[in-house]
Amino acid sequence: MFVYIIYSEKRSGYYVGQTADIVKRLKRHNLGIVPSTKNGTPWELVLQIKVVSRSEAIV
């Protein structure tokens, strides 16, 4: 499980999320599949932190 931060130059903003598969999730953000980030493509991964569980990720 990962907590991640991505950045969109187009939106001049960041998005924080959590996922088990960071590569797949970033791809989904950049394909415009994720509704909350589809207007900000392309997204760049700026930080990823490995966590033990989803409950740790959302603390």
Protein backbone atom coordinates (compact mmCIF):
# COMPACT_ATOMS: atom_id res chain seq x y z
CA MET A 1 0.00 0.00 0.00
CA PHE A 2 1.22 3.49 -0.84
CA VAL A 3 0.30 7.06 -0.03
CA TYR A 4 1.18 9.28 -2.98
CA ILE A 5 1.17 12.90 -4.08
CA ILE A 6 0.88 13.88 -7.72
CA TYR A 7 1.20 17.34 -9.25
CA SER A 8 -0.55 18.94 -12.21
CA GLU A 9 1.11 21.95 -13.80
CA LYS A 10 -2.11 22.57 -15.74
CA ARG A 11 -4.08 22.94 -12.49
CA SER A 12 -1.14 24.23 -10.45
CA GLY A 13 -2.23 21.80 -7.79
CA TYR A 14 -1.57 18.60 -5.93
CA TYR A 15 -3.64 15.48 -5.35
CA VAL A 16 -3.09 13.06 -2.46
CA GLY A 17 -4.22 9.46 -2.69
CA GLN A 18 -3.59 5.90 -1.58
CA THR A 19 -3.27 2.73 -3.64
CA ALA A 20 -1.79 -0.74 -3.69
CA ASP A 21 -0.42 -0.29 -7.24
CA ILE A 22 1.16 3.12 -7.75
CA VAL A 23 2.10 2.55 -11.42
CA LYS A 24 -1.42 1.48 -12.40
CA ARG A 25 -3.01 4.31 -10.41
CA LEU A 26 -0.82 7.02 -11.95
CA LYS A 27 -1.65 5.66 -15.39
CA ARG A 28 -5.39 5.89 -14.58
CA HIS A 29 -4.93 9.52 -13.46
CA ASN A 30 -3.12 10.38 -16.68
CA LEU A 31 -5.67 8.63 -18.91
CA GLY A 32 -8.41 10.79 -17.38
CA ILE A 33 -10.23 7.81 -15.84
CA VAL A 34 -10.28 9.27 -12.31
CA PRO A 35 -13.07 11.91 -12.25
CA SER A 36 -11.43 14.16 -9.65
CA THR A 37 -8.18 14.46 -11.62
CA LYS A 38 -9.23 14.14 -15.27
CA ASN A 39 -9.00 17.90 -15.91
CA GLY A 40 -5.41 18.10 -14.71
CA THR A 41 -3.57 15.73 -17.02
CA PRO A 42 -0.70 15.15 -17.21
CA TRP A 43 0.05 14.33 -13.58
CA GLU A 44 3.57 13.87 -12.23
CA LEU A 45 4.37 11.69 -9.23
CA VAL A 46 6.19 13.81 -6.66
CA LEU A 47 6.09 11.59 -3.56
CA GLN A 48 5.26 8.02 -2.64
CA ILE A 49 5.42 6.51 0.82
CA LYS A 50 5.04 2.79 1.44
CA VAL A 51 2.70 2.01 4.33
CA VAL A 52 1.76 -1.28 5.96
CA SER A 53 -2.02 -1.03 5.57
CA ARG A 54 -4.87 1.07 4.24
CA SER A 55 -5.73 2.17 7.78
CA GLU A 56 -2.19 3.52 8.16
CA ALA A 57 -2.50 5.28 4.80
CA ILE A 58 -5.59 7.24 5.78
CA VAL A 59 -4.40 8.38 9.21
